[in-house]
Amino acid sequence: MAERIALGLIVILFHSILRPQRLIASGHVHQRRDSTCHHTSHVWARSAGFVISDARQDRIGTKEVGLVEYRFQPDSFEVRHIRAPGHKNSLDDDFARVRPRCAPGGTR
């Protein structure tokens, strides 16, 4: 009995691994970018807080603050990039001026 359960779990695991993925979402680079490759949508979420200046980070997408809304259905999904009214792009340099700097070793 235990062997049949283990075999069933292995079949489920391989089915989920081999099944084609339709969406890969990331927010790592603070830039918005949407693309499709091999029937898979790649959605880069913009930052909700600030953008990184071009002097510090190459522009490989759209640099603007906001949110991403995902709506999932059994056989589809919808992606909307949203900007709150009055939300302005703040540069990371703006935050550097107001946050305390740490000395070497992590002390303030």
N, C-alpha and C. Protein backbone atom coordinates (compact mmCIF):
# COMPACT_ATOMS: atom_id res chain seq x y z
N MET A 1 0.82 -1.20 0.00
CA MET A 1 0.00 0.00 0.00
C MET A 1 0.86 1.26 0.00
N ALA A 2 1.89 1.30 0.84
CA ALA A 2 2.76 2.47 0.92
C ALA A 2 3.48 2.69 -0.40
N GLU A 3 3.84 1.60 -1.09
CA GLU A 3 4.52 1.73 -2.38
C GLU A 3 3.60 2.36 -3.42
N ARG A 4 2.31 1.99 -3.40
CA ARG A 4 1.34 2.56 -4.35
C ARG A 4 1.15 4.05 -4.09
N ILE A 5 1.11 4.44 -2.82
CA ILE A 5 0.98 5.86 -2.47
C ILE A 5 2.21 6.63 -2.93
N ALA A 6 3.40 6.08 -2.67
CA ALA A 6 4.65 6.73 -3.09
C ALA A 6 4.70 6.86 -4.60
N LEU A 7 4.30 5.81 -5.33
CA LEU A 7 4.29 5.87 -6.78
C LEU A 7 3.31 6.94 -7.27
N GLY A 8 2.15 7.01 -6.65
CA GLY A 8 1.17 8.04 -7.01
C GLY A 8 1.71 9.44 -6.80
N LEU A 9 2.41 9.66 -5.68
CA LEU A 9 3.01 10.97 -5.41
C LEU A 9 4.09 11.32 -6.44
N ILE A 10 4.86 10.33 -6.84
CA ILE A 10 5.90 10.56 -7.86
C ILE A 10 5.26 10.94 -9.18
N VAL A 11 4.19 10.26 -9.57
CA VAL A 11 3.49 10.58 -10.81
C VAL A 11 2.95 12.02 -10.76
N ILE A 12 2.34 12.41 -9.65
CA ILE A 12 1.83 13.78 -9.50
C ILE A 12 2.98 14.78 -9.59
N LEU A 13 4.10 14.50 -8.92
CA LEU A 13 5.25 15.39 -8.95
C LEU A 13 5.78 15.57 -10.37
N PHE A 14 5.99 14.48 -11.09
CA PHE A 14 6.49 14.59 -12.46
C PHE A 14 5.49 15.30 -13.37
N HIS A 15 4.21 15.07 -13.16
CA HIS A 15 3.20 15.74 -13.96
C HIS A 15 3.29 17.26 -13.76
N SER A 16 3.46 17.70 -12.53
CA SER A 16 3.54 19.14 -12.27
C SER A 16 4.83 19.73 -12.79
N ILE A 17 5.92 18.97 -12.78
CA ILE A 17 7.20 19.48 -13.30
C ILE A 17 7.18 19.56 -14.83
N LEU A 18 6.64 18.54 -15.48
CA LEU A 18 6.66 18.49 -16.93
C LEU A 18 5.56 19.33 -17.58
N ARG A 19 4.60 19.75 -16.80
CA ARG A 19 3.50 20.55 -17.31
C ARG A 19 4.01 21.93 -17.71
N PRO A 20 3.64 22.43 -18.86
CA PRO A 20 4.15 23.74 -19.28
C PRO A 20 3.65 24.86 -18.37
N GLN A 21 4.54 25.74 -18.02
CA GLN A 21 4.20 26.90 -17.21
C GLN A 21 3.71 28.01 -18.14
N ARG A 22 2.69 28.76 -17.73
CA ARG A 22 2.16 29.83 -18.58
C ARG A 22 2.52 31.21 -18.08
N LEU A 23 3.01 31.32 -16.83
CA LEU A 23 3.32 32.63 -16.27
C LEU A 23 4.51 32.53 -15.35
N ILE A 24 5.46 33.43 -15.55
CA ILE A 24 6.58 33.61 -14.63
C ILE A 24 6.54 35.08 -14.22
N ALA A 25 6.39 35.35 -12.92
CA ALA A 25 6.28 36.72 -12.42
C ALA A 25 7.45 37.02 -11.50
N SER A 26 8.02 38.22 -11.66
CA SER A 26 9.15 38.64 -10.84
C SER A 26 9.09 40.14 -10.61
N GLY A 27 9.65 40.60 -9.53
CA GLY A 27 9.73 42.03 -9.26
C GLY A 27 11.14 42.42 -8.86
N HIS A 28 12.09 41.60 -9.18
CA HIS A 28 13.45 41.75 -8.67
C HIS A 28 14.18 43.01 -9.14
N VAL A 29 13.96 43.46 -10.35
CA VAL A 29 14.81 44.53 -10.89
C VAL A 29 14.18 45.93 -10.84
N HIS A 30 13.02 46.09 -10.20
CA HIS A 30 12.37 47.41 -10.07
C HIS A 30 12.06 48.02 -11.43
N GLN A 31 11.79 47.20 -12.43
CA GLN A 31 11.43 47.68 -13.76
C GLN A 31 10.28 46.83 -14.30
N ARG A 32 9.42 47.47 -15.08
CA ARG A 32 8.29 46.76 -15.69
C ARG A 32 8.71 46.26 -17.06
N ARG A 33 8.39 45.01 -17.31
CA ARG A 33 8.68 44.44 -18.62
C ARG A 33 7.81 43.21 -18.82
N ASP A 34 7.16 43.14 -19.94
CA ASP A 34 6.32 41.98 -20.28
C ASP A 34 6.84 41.38 -21.57
N SER A 35 6.95 40.07 -21.60
CA SER A 35 7.34 39.39 -22.83
C SER A 35 6.76 37.97 -22.81
N THR A 36 6.79 37.34 -23.95
CA THR A 36 6.33 35.96 -24.07
C THR A 36 7.41 35.16 -24.78
N CYS A 37 7.72 34.00 -24.22
CA CYS A 37 8.73 33.12 -24.80
C CYS A 37 8.23 31.69 -24.68
N HIS A 38 8.12 30.99 -25.79
CA HIS A 38 7.65 29.60 -25.81
C HIS A 38 6.32 29.45 -25.08
N HIS A 39 5.36 30.32 -25.38
CA HIS A 39 4.01 30.28 -24.83
C HIS A 39 3.96 30.56 -23.33
N THR A 40 5.02 31.13 -22.77
CA THR A 40 5.06 31.48 -21.36
C THR A 40 5.20 32.98 -21.23
N SER A 41 4.30 33.60 -20.47
CA SER A 41 4.37 35.05 -20.23
C SER A 41 5.35 35.32 -19.09
N HIS A 42 6.24 36.26 -19.33
CA HIS A 42 7.19 36.71 -18.31
C HIS A 42 6.78 38.12 -17.93
N VAL A 43 6.39 38.33 -16.68
CA VAL A 43 5.92 39.64 -16.22
C VAL A 43 6.85 40.12 -15.13
N TRP A 44 7.50 41.25 -15.39
CA TRP A 44 8.33 41.88 -14.37
C TRP A 44 7.49 42.97 -13.72
N ALA A 45 7.30 42.86 -12.43
CA ALA A 45 6.51 43.85 -11.70
C ALA A 45 7.38 45.05 -11.36
N ARG A 46 6.81 46.21 -11.57
CA ARG A 46 7.53 47.42 -11.18
C ARG A 46 7.53 47.54 -9.66
N SER A 47 8.35 48.41 -9.15
CA SER A 47 8.45 48.63 -7.72
C SER A 47 7.26 49.44 -7.21
N ALA A 48 6.80 49.13 -6.01
CA ALA A 48 5.75 49.93 -5.39
C ALA A 48 6.35 51.12 -4.64
N GLY A 49 7.67 51.16 -4.45
CA GLY A 49 8.28 52.21 -3.64
C GLY A 49 9.10 53.22 -4.39
N PHE A 50 10.03 52.77 -5.22
CA PHE A 50 10.93 53.70 -5.90
C PHE A 50 11.55 53.04 -7.12
N VAL A 51 12.11 53.86 -7.99
CA VAL A 51 12.86 53.37 -9.14
C VAL A 51 14.34 53.62 -8.90
N ILE A 52 15.17 52.87 -9.58
CA ILE A 52 16.61 53.01 -9.46
C ILE A 52 17.10 53.85 -10.63
N SER A 53 17.90 54.85 -10.35
CA SER A 53 18.34 55.78 -11.40
C SER A 53 19.13 55.06 -12.48
N ASP A 54 19.10 55.62 -13.69
CA ASP A 54 19.85 55.03 -14.81
C ASP A 54 21.35 55.03 -14.54
N ALA A 55 21.82 55.96 -13.71
CA ALA A 55 23.24 56.00 -13.37
C ALA A 55 23.64 54.77 -12.55
N ARG A 56 22.70 54.21 -11.81
CA ARG A 56 23.00 53.05 -10.97
C ARG A 56 22.56 51.72 -11.58
N GLN A 57 21.62 51.77 -12.53
CA GLN A 57 21.08 50.54 -13.11
C GLN A 57 20.70 50.78 -14.57
N ASP A 58 21.17 49.90 -15.43
CA ASP A 58 20.81 50.00 -16.85
C ASP A 58 19.30 49.89 -17.00
N ARG A 59 18.78 50.59 -17.99
CA ARG A 59 17.35 50.53 -18.29
C ARG A 59 17.12 49.35 -19.23
N ILE A 60 16.40 48.35 -18.72
CA ILE A 60 16.06 47.18 -19.52
C ILE A 60 14.55 46.98 -19.58
N GLY A 61 13.82 47.91 -18.97
CA GLY A 61 12.36 47.89 -18.96
C GLY A 61 11.87 49.30 -18.69
N THR A 62 10.63 49.41 -18.28
CA THR A 62 10.05 50.70 -17.95
C THR A 62 10.24 50.97 -16.47
N LYS A 63 10.82 52.12 -16.16
CA LYS A 63 11.07 52.48 -14.77
C LYS A 63 9.96 53.40 -14.28
N GLU A 64 9.00 52.83 -13.58
CA GLU A 64 7.93 53.60 -12.97
C GLU A 64 7.36 52.80 -11.81
N VAL A 65 6.88 53.51 -10.80
CA VAL A 65 6.33 52.83 -9.63
C VAL A 65 4.88 52.44 -9.87
N GLY A 66 4.42 51.46 -9.15
CA GLY A 66 3.03 51.03 -9.27
C GLY A 66 2.87 49.60 -8.77
N LEU A 67 1.80 48.97 -9.19
CA LEU A 67 1.47 47.62 -8.76
C LEU A 67 1.10 46.76 -9.97
N VAL A 68 1.12 45.46 -9.77
CA VAL A 68 0.63 44.53 -10.79
C VAL A 68 -0.53 43.76 -10.19
N GLU A 69 -1.60 43.68 -10.95
CA GLU A 69 -2.77 42.92 -10.52
C GLU A 69 -2.88 41.70 -11.43
N TYR A 70 -2.97 40.53 -10.82
CA TYR A 70 -3.14 39.28 -11.55
C TYR A 70 -4.56 38.78 -11.28
N ARG A 71 -5.27 38.40 -12.33
CA ARG A 71 -6.59 37.78 -12.20
C ARG A 71 -6.52 36.42 -12.87
N PHE A 72 -6.75 35.39 -12.08
CA PHE A 72 -6.62 34.03 -12.58
C PHE A 72 -7.98 33.39 -12.78
N GLN A 73 -8.11 32.68 -13.89
CA GLN A 73 -9.27 31.86 -14.21
C GLN A 73 -8.74 30.44 -14.40
N PRO A 74 -9.61 29.43 -14.44
CA PRO A 74 -9.12 28.06 -14.60
C PRO A 74 -8.25 27.85 -15.84
N ASP A 75 -8.57 28.54 -16.94
CA ASP A 75 -7.81 28.31 -18.18
C ASP A 75 -7.11 29.56 -18.71
N SER A 76 -7.06 30.62 -17.92
CA SER A 76 -6.44 31.86 -18.41
C SER A 76 -6.06 32.75 -17.24
N PHE A 77 -5.39 33.84 -17.56
CA PHE A 77 -5.08 34.84 -16.56
C PHE A 77 -4.99 36.20 -17.24
N GLU A 78 -5.14 37.24 -16.46
CA GLU A 78 -5.05 38.62 -16.95
C GLU A 78 -4.06 39.36 -16.07
N VAL A 79 -3.23 40.18 -16.70
CA VAL A 79 -2.23 40.97 -15.98
C VAL A 79 -2.52 42.44 -16.24
N ARG A 80 -2.64 43.22 -15.17
CA ARG A 80 -2.84 44.68 -15.30
C ARG A 80 -1.77 45.39 -14.50
N HIS A 81 -1.12 46.35 -15.15
CA HIS A 81 -0.16 47.21 -14.46
C HIS A 81 -0.92 48.46 -14.01
N ILE A 82 -0.86 48.75 -12.72
CA ILE A 82 -1.67 49.81 -12.14
C ILE A 82 -0.78 50.87 -11.51
N ARG A 83 -1.19 52.10 -11.70
CA ARG A 83 -0.53 53.23 -11.06
C ARG A 83 -1.55 53.96 -10.22
N ALA A 84 -1.27 54.13 -8.95
CA ALA A 84 -2.20 54.83 -8.07
C ALA A 84 -2.24 56.31 -8.43
N PRO A 85 -3.42 56.93 -8.36
CA PRO A 85 -3.52 58.36 -8.65
C PRO A 85 -2.58 59.16 -7.74
N GLY A 86 -1.80 60.04 -8.34
CA GLY A 86 -0.89 60.88 -7.58
C GLY A 86 0.42 60.22 -7.20
N HIS A 87 0.58 58.94 -7.52
CA HIS A 87 1.83 58.23 -7.19
C HIS A 87 2.93 58.70 -8.13
N LYS A 88 4.02 59.20 -7.59
CA LYS A 88 5.12 59.74 -8.41
C LYS A 88 6.32 58.81 -8.35
N ASN A 89 7.11 58.85 -9.40
CA ASN A 89 8.36 58.09 -9.41
C ASN A 89 9.35 58.75 -8.46
N SER A 90 9.77 58.03 -7.44
CA SER A 90 10.82 58.50 -6.54
C SER A 90 12.08 57.73 -6.88
N LEU A 91 13.18 58.43 -6.98
CA LEU A 91 14.45 57.78 -7.26
C LEU A 91 15.05 57.26 -5.97
N ASP A 92 15.83 56.20 -6.09
CA ASP A 92 16.52 55.68 -4.91
C ASP A 92 17.43 56.75 -4.32
N ASP A 93 17.90 57.70 -5.12
CA ASP A 93 18.74 58.79 -4.62
C ASP A 93 17.98 59.67 -3.63
N ASP A 94 16.66 59.83 -3.84
CA ASP A 94 15.85 60.61 -2.90
C ASP A 94 15.86 59.96 -1.52
N PHE A 95 15.79 58.64 -1.48
CA PHE A 95 15.79 57.94 -0.21
C PHE A 95 17.17 57.98 0.45
N ALA A 96 18.22 57.99 -0.36
CA ALA A 96 19.57 58.04 0.19
C ALA A 96 19.80 59.31 0.99
N ARG A 97 19.16 60.41 0.58
CA ARG A 97 19.34 61.67 1.29
C ARG A 97 18.65 61.70 2.65
N VAL A 98 17.59 60.94 2.82
CA VAL A 98 16.84 61.01 4.07
C VAL A 98 17.09 59.84 5.01
N ARG A 99 17.57 58.73 4.53
CA ARG A 99 17.82 57.61 5.43
C ARG A 99 19.23 57.71 6.02
N PRO A 100 19.41 57.27 7.25
CA PRO A 100 20.75 57.35 7.85
C PRO A 100 21.70 56.40 7.16
N ARG A 101 22.91 56.86 6.98
CA ARG A 101 23.94 56.01 6.39
C ARG A 101 24.58 55.16 7.46
N CYS A 102 24.94 53.96 7.11
CA CYS A 102 25.63 53.07 8.06
C CYS A 102 27.13 53.21 7.87
N ALA A 103 27.81 53.24 8.97
CA ALA A 103 29.27 53.26 8.92
C ALA A 103 29.75 51.84 8.63
N PRO A 104 31.01 51.68 8.23
CA PRO A 104 31.54 50.32 8.03
C PRO A 104 31.31 49.50 9.29
N GLY A 105 30.88 48.30 9.12
CA GLY A 105 30.61 47.43 10.25
C GLY A 105 29.15 47.46 10.67
N GLY A 106 28.34 48.33 10.04
CA GLY A 106 26.90 48.33 10.28
C GLY A 106 26.42 49.23 11.39
N THR A 107 27.29 50.03 12.00
CA THR A 107 26.82 50.93 13.06
C THR A 107 26.46 52.26 12.46
N ARG A 108 25.57 52.99 13.13
CA ARG A 108 25.14 54.31 12.64
C ARG A 108 25.93 55.41 13.28
